[in-house]
Amino acid sequence: MKIKEAIIKTKNKLKNDYTFKTFLFASFSFFATLIFSVYNLYLGIAYKASWNISITIYYLLLMAIRADIFYNEKKLYKSDLAEDIKLTKHKAIYLKQGFMLFLIDLILIVPITIMTLGKKSINYSTIPAIATSAYTTCKIVLAIINFTKVKKLNNLGIKMFRNINLKDSLVALLTLQYILLMTFGNGIEGSSLILCSITSFAVWLILITISITTICNAIQLRKK
């Protein structure tokens, strides 16, 4: 009976508590990103592809911020601090995580440079292309859905999850672009190089904008 009651309680929370649902699905997203990171590491080793290894590092850094959110949310939830003190700490953590996002965006310059300037041709099989396509599609759809819903909430941890999921999907798009060009194209050269350079810079610019906006919002929140 206890198991049945726990299942019913969880179902009700999933239905009525969007904050709980967001953190639950953020846990699934964490492990999905972990699997995708390990897969990229495998591709990097198997195909001797520096792109996959460098992008694995980026994903692991995103996971580190996710882990930081989980840790701090749990710590503050269990603390006996007054709500106003919790809010002050939340704001400071949000600002710190915003700077962390900005720093890893700067690190992303390395894999983007490898993508656009690397001359090595890699003959991936169709499996990496299919796997990356599926991962990217799921990430983009979920990121868009979460982005629209989170606007109504004031929880800073959830807002940071939203930013990370959006970044995750955008970088997955870059990964898909690279693998498709290497699998079905003639590598990155000529017109492909121009297109790849433009899209990579555009995505990186969006990522930087998200980070800077997050930092500015966090600074404004701390002043209130």
C-alpha atoms as a PDB file:
ATOM      1  CA  MET A   1       0.000   0.000   0.000  1.00  0.00           C
ATOM      2  CA  LYS A   2       2.818   2.385   0.825  1.00  0.00           C
ATOM      3  CA  ILE A   3       4.312   1.892  -2.642  1.00  0.00           C
ATOM      4  CA  LYS A   4       0.926   2.532  -4.262  1.00  0.00           C
ATOM      5  CA  GLU A   5       0.396   5.660  -2.173  1.00  0.00           C
ATOM      6  CA  ALA A   6       3.890   6.901  -3.094  1.00  0.00           C
ATOM      7  CA  ILE A   7       3.156   6.360  -6.797  1.00  0.00           C
ATOM      8  CA  ILE A   8      -0.159   8.227  -6.556  1.00  0.00           C
ATOM      9  CA  LYS A   9       1.505  11.079  -4.632  1.00  0.00           C
ATOM     10  CA  THR A  10       4.268  11.332  -7.245  1.00  0.00           C
ATOM     11  CA  LYS A  11       1.725  11.355 -10.097  1.00  0.00           C
ATOM     12  CA  ASN A  12      -0.199  14.157  -8.437  1.00  0.00           C
ATOM     13  CA  LYS A  13       2.965  16.185  -7.901  1.00  0.00           C
ATOM     14  CA  LEU A  14       3.938  15.679 -11.547  1.00  0.00           C
ATOM     15  CA  LYS A  15       0.510  16.895 -12.588  1.00  0.00           C
ATOM     16  CA  ASN A  16       0.189  19.894 -10.295  1.00  0.00           C
ATOM     17  CA  ASP A  17       3.719  20.932  -9.271  1.00  0.00           C
ATOM     18  CA  TYR A  18       5.685  22.246 -12.241  1.00  0.00           C
ATOM     19  CA  THR A  19       8.731  22.961 -10.078  1.00  0.00           C
ATOM     20  CA  PHE A  20       8.910  19.341  -8.917  1.00  0.00           C
ATOM     21  CA  LYS A  21       8.380  18.118 -12.483  1.00  0.00           C
ATOM     22  CA  THR A  22      11.146  20.383 -13.787  1.00  0.00           C
ATOM     23  CA  PHE A  23      13.683  19.115 -11.257  1.00  0.00           C
ATOM     24  CA  LEU A  24      12.681  15.499 -11.934  1.00  0.00           C
ATOM     25  CA  PHE A  25      13.118  15.865 -15.678  1.00  0.00           C
ATOM     26  CA  ALA A  26      16.325  17.831 -15.081  1.00  0.00           C
ATOM     27  CA  SER A  27      17.645  14.668 -13.411  1.00  0.00           C
ATOM     28  CA  PHE A  28      16.807  12.645 -16.527  1.00  0.00           C
ATOM     29  CA  SER A  29      18.401  15.334 -18.690  1.00  0.00           C
ATOM     30  CA  PHE A  30      21.551  15.164 -16.562  1.00  0.00           C
ATOM     31  CA  PHE A  31      21.958  11.438 -17.225  1.00  0.00           C
ATOM     32  CA  ALA A  32      21.025  11.839 -20.914  1.00  0.00           C
ATOM     33  CA  THR A  33      23.794  14.418 -21.280  1.00  0.00           C
ATOM     34  CA  LEU A  34      26.171  12.112 -19.421  1.00  0.00           C
ATOM     35  CA  ILE A  35      25.423   9.275 -21.866  1.00  0.00           C
ATOM     36  CA  PHE A  36      25.821  11.626 -24.834  1.00  0.00           C
ATOM     37  CA  SER A  37      29.135  12.882 -23.407  1.00  0.00           C
ATOM     38  CA  VAL A  38      30.453   9.345 -22.982  1.00  0.00           C
ATOM     39  CA  TYR A  39      29.310   8.547 -26.522  1.00  0.00           C
ATOM     40  CA  ASN A  40      31.154  11.582 -27.894  1.00  0.00           C
ATOM     41  CA  LEU A  41      34.241  10.549 -25.957  1.00  0.00           C
ATOM     42  CA  TYR A  42      33.976   7.091 -27.523  1.00  0.00           C
ATOM     43  CA  LEU A  43      33.693   8.656 -31.000  1.00  0.00           C
ATOM     44  CA  GLY A  44      36.686  10.866 -30.286  1.00  0.00           C
ATOM     45  CA  ILE A  45      38.806   7.864 -29.307  1.00  0.00           C
ATOM     46  CA  ALA A  46      37.475   5.484 -31.982  1.00  0.00           C
ATOM     47  CA  TYR A  47      37.801   7.957 -34.869  1.00  0.00           C
ATOM     48  CA  LYS A  48      40.689   9.978 -33.377  1.00  0.00           C
ATOM     49  CA  ALA A  49      38.459  13.039 -33.621  1.00  0.00           C
ATOM     50  CA  SER A  50      39.604  15.977 -31.514  1.00  0.00           C
ATOM     51  CA  TRP A  51      36.232  17.670 -32.093  1.00  0.00           C
ATOM     52  CA  ASN A  52      34.336  14.968 -30.192  1.00  0.00           C
ATOM     53  CA  ILE A  53      36.830  14.990 -27.331  1.00  0.00           C
ATOM     54  CA  SER A  54      36.718  18.777 -26.989  1.00  0.00           C
ATOM     55  CA  ILE A  55      32.911  18.899 -27.126  1.00  0.00           C
ATOM     56  CA  THR A  56      32.797  16.179 -24.458  1.00  0.00           C
ATOM     57  CA  ILE A  57      34.643  18.551 -22.133  1.00  0.00           C
ATOM     58  CA  TYR A  58      32.033  21.257 -22.814  1.00  0.00           C
ATOM     59  CA  TYR A  59      29.164  18.886 -22.005  1.00  0.00           C
ATOM     60  CA  LEU A  60      30.867  17.745 -18.812  1.00  0.00           C
ATOM     61  CA  LEU A  61      31.217  21.379 -17.720  1.00  0.00           C
ATOM     62  CA  LEU A  62      27.486  21.931 -18.359  1.00  0.00           C
ATOM     63  CA  MET A  63      26.831  18.859 -16.237  1.00  0.00           C
ATOM     64  CA  ALA A  64      28.978  20.347 -13.473  1.00  0.00           C
ATOM     65  CA  ILE A  65      26.697  23.413 -13.366  1.00  0.00           C
ATOM     66  CA  ARG A  66      23.628  21.142 -13.306  1.00  0.00           C
ATOM     67  CA  ALA A  67      25.168  19.250 -10.382  1.00  0.00           C
ATOM     68  CA  ASP A  68      25.868  22.572  -8.648  1.00  0.00           C
ATOM     69  CA  ILE A  69      22.197  23.535  -9.007  1.00  0.00           C
ATOM     70  CA  PHE A  70      21.002  20.232  -7.536  1.00  0.00           C
ATOM     71  CA  TYR A  71      23.459  20.508  -4.653  1.00  0.00           C
ATOM     72  CA  ASN A  72      22.569  24.081  -3.727  1.00  0.00           C
ATOM     73  CA  GLU A  73      18.815  23.579  -4.113  1.00  0.00           C
ATOM     74  CA  LYS A  74      18.917  20.550  -1.822  1.00  0.00           C
ATOM     75  CA  LYS A  75      21.155  22.354   0.670  1.00  0.00           C
ATOM     76  CA  LEU A  76      18.909  25.415   0.843  1.00  0.00           C
ATOM     77  CA  TYR A  77      15.733  23.303   0.981  1.00  0.00           C
ATOM     78  CA  LYS A  78      17.002  21.406   4.032  1.00  0.00           C
ATOM     79  CA  SER A  79      18.388  24.477   5.801  1.00  0.00           C
ATOM     80  CA  ASP A  80      16.541  26.258   8.591  1.00  0.00           C
ATOM     81  CA  LEU A  81      17.355  29.712   7.267  1.00  0.00           C
ATOM     82  CA  ALA A  82      14.700  32.376   6.959  1.00  0.00           C
ATOM     83  CA  GLU A  83      13.115  32.720   3.502  1.00  0.00           C
ATOM     84  CA  ASP A  84      14.639  36.145   2.882  1.00  0.00           C
ATOM     85  CA  ILE A  85      18.135  34.809   3.652  1.00  0.00           C
ATOM     86  CA  LYS A  86      17.500  31.826   1.357  1.00  0.00           C
ATOM     87  CA  LEU A  87      16.471  34.212  -1.403  1.00  0.00           C
ATOM     88  CA  THR A  88      19.650  36.272  -0.923  1.00  0.00           C
ATOM     89  CA  LYS A  89      21.763  33.120  -1.173  1.00  0.00           C
ATOM     90  CA  HIS A  90      19.790  31.990  -4.227  1.00  0.00           C
ATOM     91  CA  LYS A  91      20.586  35.280  -5.961  1.00  0.00           C
ATOM     92  CA  ALA A  92      24.313  34.952  -5.192  1.00  0.00           C
ATOM     93  CA  ILE A  93      24.357  31.359  -6.480  1.00  0.00           C
ATOM     94  CA  TYR A  94      22.479  32.390  -9.620  1.00  0.00           C
ATOM     95  CA  LEU A  95      25.070  35.081 -10.337  1.00  0.00           C
ATOM     96  CA  LYS A  96      27.940  32.634  -9.761  1.00  0.00           C
ATOM     97  CA  GLN A  97      26.379  30.116 -12.133  1.00  0.00           C
ATOM     98  CA  GLY A  98      25.871  32.852 -14.729  1.00  0.00           C
ATOM     99  CA  PHE A  99      29.607  33.562 -14.701  1.00  0.00           C
ATOM    100  CA  MET A 100      30.276  29.814 -14.954  1.00  0.00           C
ATOM    101  CA  LEU A 101      28.118  29.672 -18.089  1.00  0.00           C
ATOM    102  CA  PHE A 102      30.016  32.595 -19.584  1.00  0.00           C
ATOM    103  CA  LEU A 103      33.393  30.946 -18.922  1.00  0.00           C
ATOM    104  CA  ILE A 104      32.460  27.649 -20.542  1.00  0.00           C
ATOM    105  CA  ASP A 105      31.119  29.581 -23.550  1.00  0.00           C
ATOM    106  CA  LEU A 106      34.634  30.978 -23.949  1.00  0.00           C
ATOM    107  CA  ILE A 107      35.983  27.413 -23.771  1.00  0.00           C
ATOM    108  CA  LEU A 108      33.601  26.468 -26.603  1.00  0.00           C
ATOM    109  CA  ILE A 109      35.810  28.536 -28.919  1.00  0.00           C
ATOM    110  CA  VAL A 110      38.244  25.577 -28.940  1.00  0.00           C
ATOM    111  CA  PRO A 111      35.881  22.975 -30.495  1.00  0.00           C
ATOM    112  CA  ILE A 112      34.441  25.594 -32.865  1.00  0.00           C
ATOM    113  CA  THR A 113      37.970  26.401 -34.067  1.00  0.00           C
ATOM    114  CA  ILE A 114      38.663  22.692 -34.518  1.00  0.00           C
ATOM    115  CA  MET A 115      35.467  22.385 -36.543  1.00  0.00           C
ATOM    116  CA  THR A 116      36.083  25.324 -38.866  1.00  0.00           C
ATOM    117  CA  LEU A 117      39.855  25.137 -39.245  1.00  0.00           C
ATOM    118  CA  GLY A 118      40.501  21.423 -38.835  1.00  0.00           C
ATOM    119  CA  LYS A 119      41.460  19.830 -42.126  1.00  0.00           C
ATOM    120  CA  LYS A 120      41.136  16.233 -40.988  1.00  0.00           C
ATOM    121  CA  SER A 121      38.377  14.277 -42.750  1.00  0.00           C
ATOM    122  CA  ILE A 122      36.568  11.758 -40.558  1.00  0.00           C
ATOM    123  CA  ASN A 123      34.427   9.005 -42.055  1.00  0.00           C
ATOM    124  CA  TYR A 124      31.784   8.415 -39.404  1.00  0.00           C
ATOM    125  CA  SER A 125      29.310   5.596 -39.889  1.00  0.00           C
ATOM    126  CA  THR A 126      25.603   6.474 -40.183  1.00  0.00           C
ATOM    127  CA  ILE A 127      24.957   5.399 -36.563  1.00  0.00           C
ATOM    128  CA  PRO A 128      26.549   8.526 -34.978  1.00  0.00           C
ATOM    129  CA  ALA A 129      24.519  10.709 -37.366  1.00  0.00           C
ATOM    130  CA  ILE A 130      21.248   8.980 -36.421  1.00  0.00           C
ATOM    131  CA  ALA A 131      22.024   9.009 -32.685  1.00  0.00           C
ATOM    132  CA  THR A 132      23.022  12.679 -32.709  1.00  0.00           C
ATOM    133  CA  SER A 133      19.951  13.614 -34.773  1.00  0.00           C
ATOM    134  CA  ALA A 134      17.643  11.916 -32.258  1.00  0.00           C
ATOM    135  CA  TYR A 135      19.390  13.531 -29.280  1.00  0.00           C
ATOM    136  CA  THR A 136      19.379  16.986 -30.877  1.00  0.00           C
ATOM    137  CA  THR A 137      15.695  16.819 -31.869  1.00  0.00           C
ATOM    138  CA  CYS A 138      14.618  15.806 -28.347  1.00  0.00           C
ATOM    139  CA  LYS A 139      16.793  18.480 -26.740  1.00  0.00           C
ATOM    140  CA  ILE A 140      15.521  21.286 -28.979  1.00  0.00           C
ATOM    141  CA  VAL A 141      11.839  20.375 -28.507  1.00  0.00           C
ATOM    142  CA  LEU A 142      12.167  20.088 -24.711  1.00  0.00           C
ATOM    143  CA  ALA A 143      14.240  23.276 -24.474  1.00  0.00           C
ATOM    144  CA  ILE A 144      11.593  25.273 -26.364  1.00  0.00           C
ATOM    145  CA  ILE A 145       8.763  23.882 -24.219  1.00  0.00           C
ATOM    146  CA  ASN A 146      10.618  24.585 -20.965  1.00  0.00           C
ATOM    147  CA  PHE A 147      11.705  28.042 -22.097  1.00  0.00           C
ATOM    148  CA  THR A 148       8.100  29.186 -22.567  1.00  0.00           C
ATOM    149  CA  LYS A 149       6.797  27.659 -19.315  1.00  0.00           C
ATOM    150  CA  VAL A 150       9.629  28.770 -17.018  1.00  0.00           C
ATOM    151  CA  LYS A 151       8.931  32.456 -17.749  1.00  0.00           C
ATOM    152  CA  LYS A 152       5.982  32.241 -15.346  1.00  0.00           C
ATOM    153  CA  LEU A 153       8.083  30.903 -12.444  1.00  0.00           C
ATOM    154  CA  ASN A 154      10.363  32.750 -10.021  1.00  0.00           C
ATOM    155  CA  ASN A 155      12.563  29.810  -8.968  1.00  0.00           C
ATOM    156  CA  LEU A 156      16.124  30.772  -9.949  1.00  0.00           C
ATOM    157  CA  GLY A 157      17.297  27.151 -10.038  1.00  0.00           C
ATOM    158  CA  ILE A 158      14.651  26.323 -12.638  1.00  0.00           C
ATOM    159  CA  LYS A 159      15.570  29.409 -14.657  1.00  0.00           C
ATOM    160  CA  MET A 160      19.200  28.256 -14.685  1.00  0.00           C
ATOM    161  CA  PHE A 161      18.120  24.778 -15.808  1.00  0.00           C
ATOM    162  CA  ARG A 162      16.233  26.471 -18.637  1.00  0.00           C
ATOM    163  CA  ASN A 163      19.359  28.327 -19.748  1.00  0.00           C
ATOM    164  CA  ILE A 164      21.502  25.187 -19.582  1.00  0.00           C
ATOM    165  CA  ASN A 165      18.980  23.100 -21.528  1.00  0.00           C
ATOM    166  CA  LEU A 166      18.822  25.779 -24.199  1.00  0.00           C
ATOM    167  CA  LYS A 167      22.616  25.847 -24.448  1.00  0.00           C
ATOM    168  CA  ASP A 168      22.729  22.045 -24.489  1.00  0.00           C
ATOM    169  CA  SER A 169      20.360  21.918 -27.476  1.00  0.00           C
ATOM    170  CA  LEU A 170      22.269  24.607 -29.391  1.00  0.00           C
ATOM    171  CA  VAL A 171      25.619  22.854 -28.934  1.00  0.00           C
ATOM    172  CA  ALA A 172      23.980  19.552 -29.920  1.00  0.00           C
ATOM    173  CA  LEU A 173      22.984  21.339 -33.123  1.00  0.00           C
ATOM    174  CA  LEU A 174      26.639  22.195 -33.762  1.00  0.00           C
ATOM    175  CA  THR A 175      27.617  18.582 -33.098  1.00  0.00           C
ATOM    176  CA  LEU A 176      24.973  17.348 -35.529  1.00  0.00           C
ATOM    177  CA  GLN A 177      26.183  19.792 -38.173  1.00  0.00           C
ATOM    178  CA  TYR A 178      29.752  18.541 -37.841  1.00  0.00           C
ATOM    179  CA  ILE A 179      28.850  14.852 -37.960  1.00  0.00           C
ATOM    180  CA  LEU A 180      26.495  15.279 -40.928  1.00  0.00           C
ATOM    181  CA  LEU A 181      29.130  17.165 -42.921  1.00  0.00           C
ATOM    182  CA  MET A 182      31.704  14.496 -42.165  1.00  0.00           C
ATOM    183  CA  THR A 183      29.331  11.581 -42.802  1.00  0.00           C
ATOM    184  CA  PHE A 184      27.366  12.667 -45.859  1.00  0.00           C
ATOM    185  CA  GLY A 185      29.435  15.563 -47.202  1.00  0.00           C
ATOM    186  CA  ASN A 186      33.010  15.976 -48.363  1.00  0.00           C
ATOM    187  CA  GLY A 187      34.259  17.357 -45.086  1.00  0.00           C
ATOM    188  CA  ILE A 188      34.386  21.031 -44.136  1.00  0.00           C
ATOM    189  CA  GLU A 189      35.808  22.930 -47.093  1.00  0.00           C
ATOM    190  CA  GLY A 190      34.665  25.340 -49.769  1.00  0.00           C
ATOM    191  CA  SER A 191      31.005  26.359 -49.387  1.00  0.00           C
ATOM    192  CA  SER A 192      30.629  23.966 -46.436  1.00  0.00           C
ATOM    193  CA  LEU A 193      33.377  25.831 -44.595  1.00  0.00           C
ATOM    194  CA  ILE A 194      31.640  29.183 -45.138  1.00  0.00           C
ATOM    195  CA  LEU A 195      28.279  27.810 -43.999  1.00  0.00           C
ATOM    196  CA  CYS A 196      29.838  26.056 -41.006  1.00  0.00           C
ATOM    197  CA  SER A 197      31.700  29.211 -39.958  1.00  0.00           C
ATOM    198  CA  ILE A 198      28.574  31.364 -40.150  1.00  0.00           C
ATOM    199  CA  THR A 199      26.322  28.940 -38.248  1.00  0.00           C
ATOM    200  CA  SER A 200      28.977  28.227 -35.612  1.00  0.00           C
ATOM    201  CA  PHE A 201      29.549  31.922 -34.957  1.00  0.00           C
ATOM    202  CA  ALA A 202      25.789  32.575 -34.851  1.00  0.00           C
ATOM    203  CA  VAL A 203      25.228  29.771 -32.316  1.00  0.00           C
ATOM    204  CA  TRP A 204      28.192  30.914 -30.204  1.00  0.00           C
ATOM    205  CA  LEU A 205      26.839  34.474 -30.257  1.00  0.00           C
ATOM    206  CA  ILE A 206      23.457  33.240 -28.998  1.00  0.00           C
ATOM    207  CA  LEU A 207      25.182  31.261 -26.238  1.00  0.00           C
ATOM    208  CA  ILE A 208      27.204  34.295 -25.139  1.00  0.00           C
ATOM    209  CA  THR A 209      24.060  36.446 -25.218  1.00  0.00           C
ATOM    210  CA  ILE A 210      22.237  33.974 -22.951  1.00  0.00           C
ATOM    211  CA  SER A 211      25.134  34.039 -20.472  1.00  0.00           C
ATOM    212  CA  ILE A 212      25.482  37.832 -20.451  1.00  0.00           C
ATOM    213  CA  THR A 213      21.709  38.263 -20.082  1.00  0.00           C
ATOM    214  CA  THR A 214      21.743  35.815 -17.170  1.00  0.00           C
ATOM    215  CA  ILE A 215      24.557  37.721 -15.457  1.00  0.00           C
ATOM    216  CA  CYS A 216      22.806  41.086 -15.968  1.00  0.00           C
ATOM    217  CA  ASN A 217      19.531  39.714 -14.595  1.00  0.00           C
ATOM    218  CA  ALA A 218      21.356  38.227 -11.611  1.00  0.00           C
ATOM    219  CA  ILE A 219      23.043  41.580 -10.847  1.00  0.00           C
ATOM    220  CA  GLN A 220      19.697  43.376 -11.050  1.00  0.00           C
ATOM    221  CA  LEU A 221      18.111  40.814  -8.719  1.00  0.00           C
ATOM    222  CA  ARG A 222      20.849  41.296  -6.135  1.00  0.00           C
ATOM    223  CA  LYS A 223      20.215  45.046  -6.106  1.00  0.00           C
ATOM    224  CA  LYS A 224      16.556  44.584  -5.205  1.00  0.00           C
END
